[in-house]
PDB file of N, CA and C in Angstrom:
ATOM      1  N   MET A   1      27.297  92.090-211.745  1.00  0.00           N
ATOM      2  CA  MET A   1      26.555  91.526-210.680  1.00  0.00           C
ATOM      3  C   MET A   1      26.563  90.262-209.832  1.00  0.00           C
ATOM      4  N   ARG A   2      26.639  90.352-208.763  1.00  0.00           N
ATOM      5  CA  ARG A   2      26.243  89.242-207.749  1.00  0.00           C
ATOM      6  C   ARG A   2      24.867  89.310-206.614  1.00  0.00           C
ATOM      7  N   GLU A   3      24.664  90.005-206.772  1.00  0.00           N
ATOM      8  CA  GLU A   3      23.356  89.543-205.846  1.00  0.00           C
ATOM      9  C   GLU A   3      21.701  90.222-206.217  1.00  0.00           C
ATOM     10  N   HIS A   4      20.719  89.581-206.661  1.00  0.00           N
ATOM     11  CA  HIS A   4      19.442  90.326-206.659  1.00  0.00           C
ATOM     12  C   HIS A   4      18.626  90.585-205.352  1.00  0.00           C
ATOM     13  N   LEU A   5      17.610  91.804-205.757  1.00  0.00           N
ATOM     14  CA  LEU A   5      16.992  91.948-204.806  1.00  0.00           C
ATOM     15  C   LEU A   5      15.388  91.650-205.457  1.00  0.00           C
ATOM     16  N   LEU A   6      14.671  90.510-204.964  1.00  0.00           N
ATOM     17  CA  LEU A   6      13.686  90.739-205.691  1.00  0.00           C
ATOM     18  C   LEU A   6      12.250  91.354-205.009  1.00  0.00           C
ATOM     19  N   GLN A   7      11.593  92.186-205.969  1.00  0.00           N
ATOM     20  CA  GLN A   7      10.441  92.874-205.287  1.00  0.00           C
ATOM     21  C   GLN A   7       9.183  92.396-206.239  1.00  0.00           C
ATOM     22  N   TRP A   8       8.646  92.232-205.380  1.00  0.00           N
ATOM     23  CA  TRP A   8       6.833  92.555-206.021  1.00  0.00           C
ATOM     24  C   TRP A   8       6.066  93.284-205.843  1.00  0.00           C
ATOM     25  N   ARG A   9       5.684  94.342-206.985  1.00  0.00           N
ATOM     26  CA  ARG A   9       4.647  95.094-206.656  1.00  0.00           C
ATOM     27  C   ARG A   9       3.609  94.765-207.105  1.00  0.00           C
ATOM     28  N   GLY A  10       2.999  93.277-207.281  1.00  0.00           N
ATOM     29  CA  GLY A  10       1.313  92.394-207.883  1.00  0.00           C
ATOM     30  C   GLY A  10       0.116  93.008-206.835  1.00  0.00           C
ATOM     31  N   LYS A  11      -0.485  92.381-206.996  1.00  0.00           N
ATOM     32  CA  LYS A  11      -1.575  92.227-205.586  1.00  0.00           C
ATOM     33  C   LYS A  11      -1.611  91.393-204.526  1.00  0.00           C
ATOM     34  N   GLY A  12      -0.690  90.185-204.858  1.00  0.00           N
ATOM     35  CA  GLY A  12      -0.837  89.443-203.673  1.00  0.00           C
ATOM     36  C   GLY A  12      -0.051  88.206-204.137  1.00  0.00           C
ATOM     37  N   LYS A  13       0.227  87.876-202.467  1.00  0.00           N
ATOM     38  CA  LYS A  13       1.379  86.283-202.873  1.00  0.00           C
ATOM     39  C   LYS A  13       0.824  85.371-203.956  1.00  0.00           C
ATOM     40  N   GLU A  14      -0.578  85.219-203.747  1.00  0.00           N
ATOM     41  CA  GLU A  14      -0.851  84.071-204.928  1.00  0.00           C
ATOM     42  C   GLU A  14      -0.216  84.440-206.622  1.00  0.00           C
ATOM     43  N   GLU A  15      -0.834  85.838-206.759  1.00  0.00           N
ATOM     44  CA  GLU A  15      -0.059  86.219-207.939  1.00  0.00           C
ATOM     45  C   GLU A  15       1.321  86.386-208.662  1.00  0.00           C
ATOM     46  N   LEU A  16       2.192  86.716-207.215  1.00  0.00           N
ATOM     47  CA  LEU A  16       3.592  86.406-207.476  1.00  0.00           C
ATOM     48  C   LEU A  16       3.722  84.781-207.759  1.00  0.00           C
ATOM     49  N   ARG A  17       3.511  83.995-206.802  1.00  0.00           N
ATOM     50  CA  ARG A  17       3.566  82.027-207.568  1.00  0.00           C
ATOM     51  C   ARG A  17       3.134  82.216-208.966  1.00  0.00           C
ATOM     52  N   GLU A  18       1.969  82.840-209.438  1.00  0.00           N
ATOM     53  CA  GLU A  18       1.744  82.673-210.395  1.00  0.00           C
ATOM     54  C   GLU A  18       2.913  82.922-211.354  1.00  0.00           C
ATOM     55  N   VAL A  19       3.296  84.378-211.320  1.00  0.00           N
ATOM     56  CA  VAL A  19       4.252  84.340-212.152  1.00  0.00           C
ATOM     57  C   VAL A  19       5.766  83.892-212.042  1.00  0.00           C
ATOM     58  N   THR A  20       5.481  83.260-210.598  1.00  0.00           N
ATOM     59  CA  THR A  20       7.341  82.872-210.806  1.00  0.00           C
ATOM     60  C   THR A  20       7.286  81.150-210.832  1.00  0.00           C
ATOM     61  N   THR A  21       5.820  80.759-211.201  1.00  0.00           N
ATOM     62  CA  THR A  21       5.589  79.623-211.380  1.00  0.00           C
ATOM     63  C   THR A  21       5.758  79.668-212.947  1.00  0.00           C
ATOM     64  N   GLU A  22       5.627  80.870-213.705  1.00  0.00           N
ATOM     65  CA  GLU A  22       5.409  80.725-214.969  1.00  0.00           C
ATOM     66  C   GLU A  22       6.938  81.268-215.454  1.00  0.00           C
ATOM     67  N   PHE A  23       7.964  81.910-214.984  1.00  0.00           N
ATOM     68  CA  PHE A  23       9.282  81.916-215.239  1.00  0.00           C
ATOM     69  C   PHE A  23       9.910  80.416-214.857  1.00  0.00           C
ATOM     70  N   SER A  24       9.668  80.181-213.803  1.00  0.00           N
ATOM     71  CA  SER A  24      10.065  78.423-213.746  1.00  0.00           C
ATOM     72  C   SER A  24       9.673  77.193-214.721  1.00  0.00           C
ATOM     73  N   ASN A  25       8.189  77.416-215.537  1.00  0.00           N
ATOM     74  CA  ASN A  25       8.221  76.887-216.668  1.00  0.00           C
ATOM     75  C   ASN A  25       9.024  76.864-217.846  1.00  0.00           C
ATOM     76  N   GLU A  26       9.654  78.529-217.483  1.00  0.00           N
ATOM     77  CA  GLU A  26      10.774  78.014-218.987  1.00  0.00           C
ATOM     78  C   GLU A  26      12.397  78.251-218.261  1.00  0.00           C
ATOM     79  N   LYS A  27      12.281  77.921-217.562  1.00  0.00           N
ATOM     80  CA  LYS A  27      13.945  77.470-217.064  1.00  0.00           C
ATOM     81  C   LYS A  27      14.601  77.192-217.679  1.00  0.00           C
ATOM     82  N   SER A  28      14.750  76.020-218.344  1.00  0.00           N
ATOM     83  CA  SER A  28      15.838  75.232-219.707  1.00  0.00           C
ATOM     84  C   SER A  28      15.676  76.596-220.779  1.00  0.00           C
ATOM     85  N   ALA A  29      14.831  77.424-221.436  1.00  0.00           N
ATOM     86  CA  ALA A  29      14.633  77.728-222.463  1.00  0.00           C
ATOM     87  C   ALA A  29      15.624  79.004-221.535  1.00  0.00           C
ATOM     88  N   VAL A  30      15.504  79.241-220.693  1.00  0.00           N
ATOM     89  CA  VAL A  30      16.289  80.471-220.691  1.00  0.00           C
ATOM     90  C   VAL A  30      17.773  80.335-220.068  1.00  0.00           C
ATOM     91  N   LEU A  31      17.699  79.522-219.561  1.00  0.00           N
ATOM     92  CA  LEU A  31      19.409  78.867-219.291  1.00  0.00           C
ATOM     93  C   LEU A  31      20.295  78.615-221.411  1.00  0.00           C
ATOM     94  N   SER A  32      19.588  77.817-221.839  1.00  0.00           N
ATOM     95  CA  SER A  32      19.583  77.215-222.990  1.00  0.00           C
ATOM     96  C   SER A  32      20.013  78.642-224.050  1.00  0.00           C
ATOM     97  N   MET A  33      19.010  79.504-223.697  1.00  0.00           N
ATOM     98  CA  MET A  33      19.606  80.931-224.362  1.00  0.00           C
ATOM     99  C   MET A  33      20.476  81.208-223.915  1.00  0.00           C
ATOM    100  N   VAL A  34      21.067  81.104-222.684  1.00  0.00           N
ATOM    101  CA  VAL A  34      22.546  81.768-221.830  1.00  0.00           C
ATOM    102  C   VAL A  34      23.594  80.943-222.758  1.00  0.00           C
ATOM    103  N   ASN A  35      23.343  79.740-222.619  1.00  0.00           N
ATOM    104  CA  ASN A  35      24.427  78.838-223.135  1.00  0.00           C
ATOM    105  C   ASN A  35      24.499  79.153-224.978  1.00  0.00           C
ATOM    106  N   ASP A  36      23.827  79.149-225.779  1.00  0.00           N
ATOM    107  CA  ASP A  36      23.762  79.301-226.766  1.00  0.00           C
ATOM    108  C   ASP A  36      24.589  80.774-227.436  1.00  0.00           C
ATOM    109  N   GLN A  37      24.003  81.822-225.838  1.00  0.00           N
ATOM    110  CA  GLN A  37      24.700  82.925-226.713  1.00  0.00           C
ATOM    111  C   GLN A  37      27.073  83.053-227.434  1.00  0.00           C
ATOM    112  N   ALA A  38      26.986  82.897-228.875  1.00  0.00           N
ATOM    113  CA  ALA A  38      28.169  82.994-228.924  1.00  0.00           C
ATOM    114  C   ALA A  38      29.094  83.980-228.783  1.00  0.00           C
ATOM    115  N   GLY A  39      28.773  84.970-228.379  1.00  0.00           N
ATOM    116  CA  GLY A  39      29.797  85.736-227.730  1.00  0.00           C
ATOM    117  C   GLY A  39      30.152  86.289-226.794  1.00  0.00           C
ATOM    118  N   LEU A  40      29.797  84.808-225.338  1.00  0.00           N
ATOM    119  CA  LEU A  40      29.903  85.021-224.973  1.00  0.00           C
ATOM    120  C   LEU A  40      31.188  83.610-223.829  1.00  0.00           C
ATOM    121  N   SER A  41      32.457  83.711-223.333  1.00  0.00           N
ATOM    122  CA  SER A  41      32.794  82.737-222.824  1.00  0.00           C
ATOM    123  C   SER A  41      32.463  81.325-222.213  1.00  0.00           C
ATOM    124  N   GLU A  42      32.709  80.817-221.816  1.00  0.00           N
ATOM    125  CA  GLU A  42      32.324  79.054-220.561  1.00  0.00           C
ATOM    126  C   GLU A  42      32.064  80.073-219.732  1.00  0.00           C
ATOM    127  N   ASP A  43      33.130  80.886-218.913  1.00  0.00           N
ATOM    128  CA  ASP A  43      33.240  81.666-217.822  1.00  0.00           C
ATOM    129  C   ASP A  43      32.211  82.444-217.093  1.00  0.00           C
ATOM    130  N   GLU A  44      31.703  83.377-218.637  1.00  0.00           N
ATOM    131  CA  GLU A  44      30.711  83.698-218.471  1.00  0.00           C
ATOM    132  C   GLU A  44      29.263  83.483-218.201  1.00  0.00           C
ATOM    133  N   LYS A  45      29.408  82.125-218.935  1.00  0.00           N
ATOM    134  CA  LYS A  45      27.945  81.431-219.245  1.00  0.00           C
ATOM    135  C   LYS A  45      27.334  80.832-218.104  1.00  0.00           C
ATOM    136  N   ALA A  46      28.407  80.529-217.518  1.00  0.00           N
ATOM    137  CA  ALA A  46      28.939  80.104-216.159  1.00  0.00           C
ATOM    138  C   ALA A  46      28.418  80.504-215.768  1.00  0.00           C
ATOM    139  N   ASP A  47      28.602  82.262-214.722  1.00  0.00           N
ATOM    140  CA  ASP A  47      28.548  82.953-213.997  1.00  0.00           C
ATOM    141  C   ASP A  47      26.904  83.405-214.298  1.00  0.00           C
ATOM    142  N   ILE A  48      26.363  83.372-215.177  1.00  0.00           N
ATOM    143  CA  ILE A  48      25.229  84.153-215.744  1.00  0.00           C
ATOM    144  C   ILE A  48      24.473  83.041-215.628  1.00  0.00           C
ATOM    145  N   SER A  49      24.638  81.411-215.715  1.00  0.00           N
ATOM    146  CA  SER A  49      23.560  80.904-215.693  1.00  0.00           C
ATOM    147  C   SER A  49      23.524  80.468-214.086  1.00  0.00           C
ATOM    148  N   GLY A  50      24.620  80.872-212.974  1.00  0.00           N
ATOM    149  CA  GLY A  50      24.790  80.651-211.871  1.00  0.00           C
ATOM    150  C   GLY A  50      23.750  81.520-211.080  1.00  0.00           C
ATOM    151  N   PHE A  51      23.776  82.986-211.202  1.00  0.00           N
ATOM    152  CA  PHE A  51      22.925  83.733-211.107  1.00  0.00           C
ATOM    153  C   PHE A  51      21.719  83.598-211.454  1.00  0.00           C
ATOM    154  N   ILE A  52      21.309  83.153-212.677  1.00  0.00           N
ATOM    155  CA  ILE A  52      19.320  82.275-212.857  1.00  0.00           C
ATOM    156  C   ILE A  52      19.424  81.055-211.925  1.00  0.00           C
ATOM    157  N   GLU A  53      20.495  80.741-211.656  1.00  0.00           N
ATOM    158  CA  GLU A  53      19.365  79.100-210.843  1.00  0.00           C
ATOM    159  C   GLU A  53      19.463  79.589-209.699  1.00  0.00           C
ATOM    160  N   SER A  54      20.028  81.065-209.336  1.00  0.00           N
ATOM    161  CA  SER A  54      19.671  80.640-207.651  1.00  0.00           C
ATOM    162  C   SER A  54      18.563  81.894-207.654  1.00  0.00           C
ATOM    163  N   PHE A  55      17.897  82.589-208.667  1.00  0.00           N
ATOM    164  CA  PHE A  55      16.982  82.851-208.475  1.00  0.00           C
ATOM    165  C   PHE A  55      15.763  81.473-208.659  1.00  0.00           C
ATOM    166  N   TYR A  56      15.709  80.935-209.279  1.00  0.00           N
ATOM    167  CA  TYR A  56      15.386  79.917-208.979  1.00  0.00           C
ATOM    168  C   TYR A  56      15.302  78.426-207.738  1.00  0.00           C
ATOM    169  N   THR A  57      16.223  78.801-207.488  1.00  0.00           N
ATOM    170  CA  THR A  57      16.076  78.206-206.025  1.00  0.00           C
ATOM    171  C   THR A  57      15.418  79.475-205.318  1.00  0.00           C
ATOM    172  N   GLU A  58      15.874  80.601-204.640  1.00  0.00           N
ATOM    173  CA  GLU A  58      15.169  81.425-203.988  1.00  0.00           C
ATOM    174  C   GLU A  58      13.202  81.201-204.360  1.00  0.00           C
ATOM    175  N   VAL A  59      13.017  81.299-205.984  1.00  0.00           N
ATOM    176  CA  VAL A  59      11.254  81.254-205.868  1.00  0.00           C
ATOM    177  C   VAL A  59      11.114  79.815-205.748  1.00  0.00           C
ATOM    178  N   GLY A  60      11.988  78.555-205.526  1.00  0.00           N
ATOM    179  CA  GLY A  60      11.441  77.717-205.354  1.00  0.00           C
ATOM    180  C   GLY A  60      11.369  76.957-203.351  1.00  0.00           C
ATOM    181  N   GLN A  61      11.692  78.351-202.959  1.00  0.00           N
ATOM    182  CA  GLN A  61      11.904  77.882-201.698  1.00  0.00           C
ATOM    183  C   GLN A  61      10.023  78.199-201.068  1.00  0.00           C
ATOM    184  N   SER A  62       9.486  77.725-199.950  1.00  0.00           N
ATOM    185  CA  SER A  62       8.539  78.218-199.749  1.00  0.00           C
ATOM    186  C   SER A  62       8.317  79.072-199.568  1.00  0.00           C
ATOM    187  N   SER A  63       9.789  79.393-198.446  1.00  0.00           N
ATOM    188  CA  SER A  63       9.463  80.188-197.777  1.00  0.00           C
ATOM    189  C   SER A  63       9.660  81.953-198.373  1.00  0.00           C
ATOM    190  N   PHE A  64       9.888  82.064-199.576  1.00  0.00           N
ATOM    191  CA  PHE A  64       9.969  83.210-200.320  1.00  0.00           C
ATOM    192  C   PHE A  64       8.446  83.777-200.495  1.00  0.00           C
ATOM    193  N   TYR A  65       7.042  83.285-200.536  1.00  0.00           N
ATOM    194  CA  TYR A  65       6.200  83.797-200.483  1.00  0.00           C
ATOM    195  C   TYR A  65       5.558  83.428-198.884  1.00  0.00           C
ATOM    196  N   THR A  66       6.063  83.219-198.215  1.00  0.00           N
ATOM    197  CA  THR A  66       5.498  84.163-196.868  1.00  0.00           C
ATOM    198  C   THR A  66       6.023  85.721-196.367  1.00  0.00           C
TER     199      THR A  66
END
């Protein structure tokens, strides 16, 4: 999987911002969880981490909420 489509079915943009802020506050923990997985190769870890980073980049842009 190389692409993601974020769909929001919540009440409004402010609620979406609250949810993405909550996820953003856990960014280092999420990435650490990936990197700590013994069953993944370094390439797989890098691939997954890149995918997760792209999510954080996308929700970090102000245009995401418009």
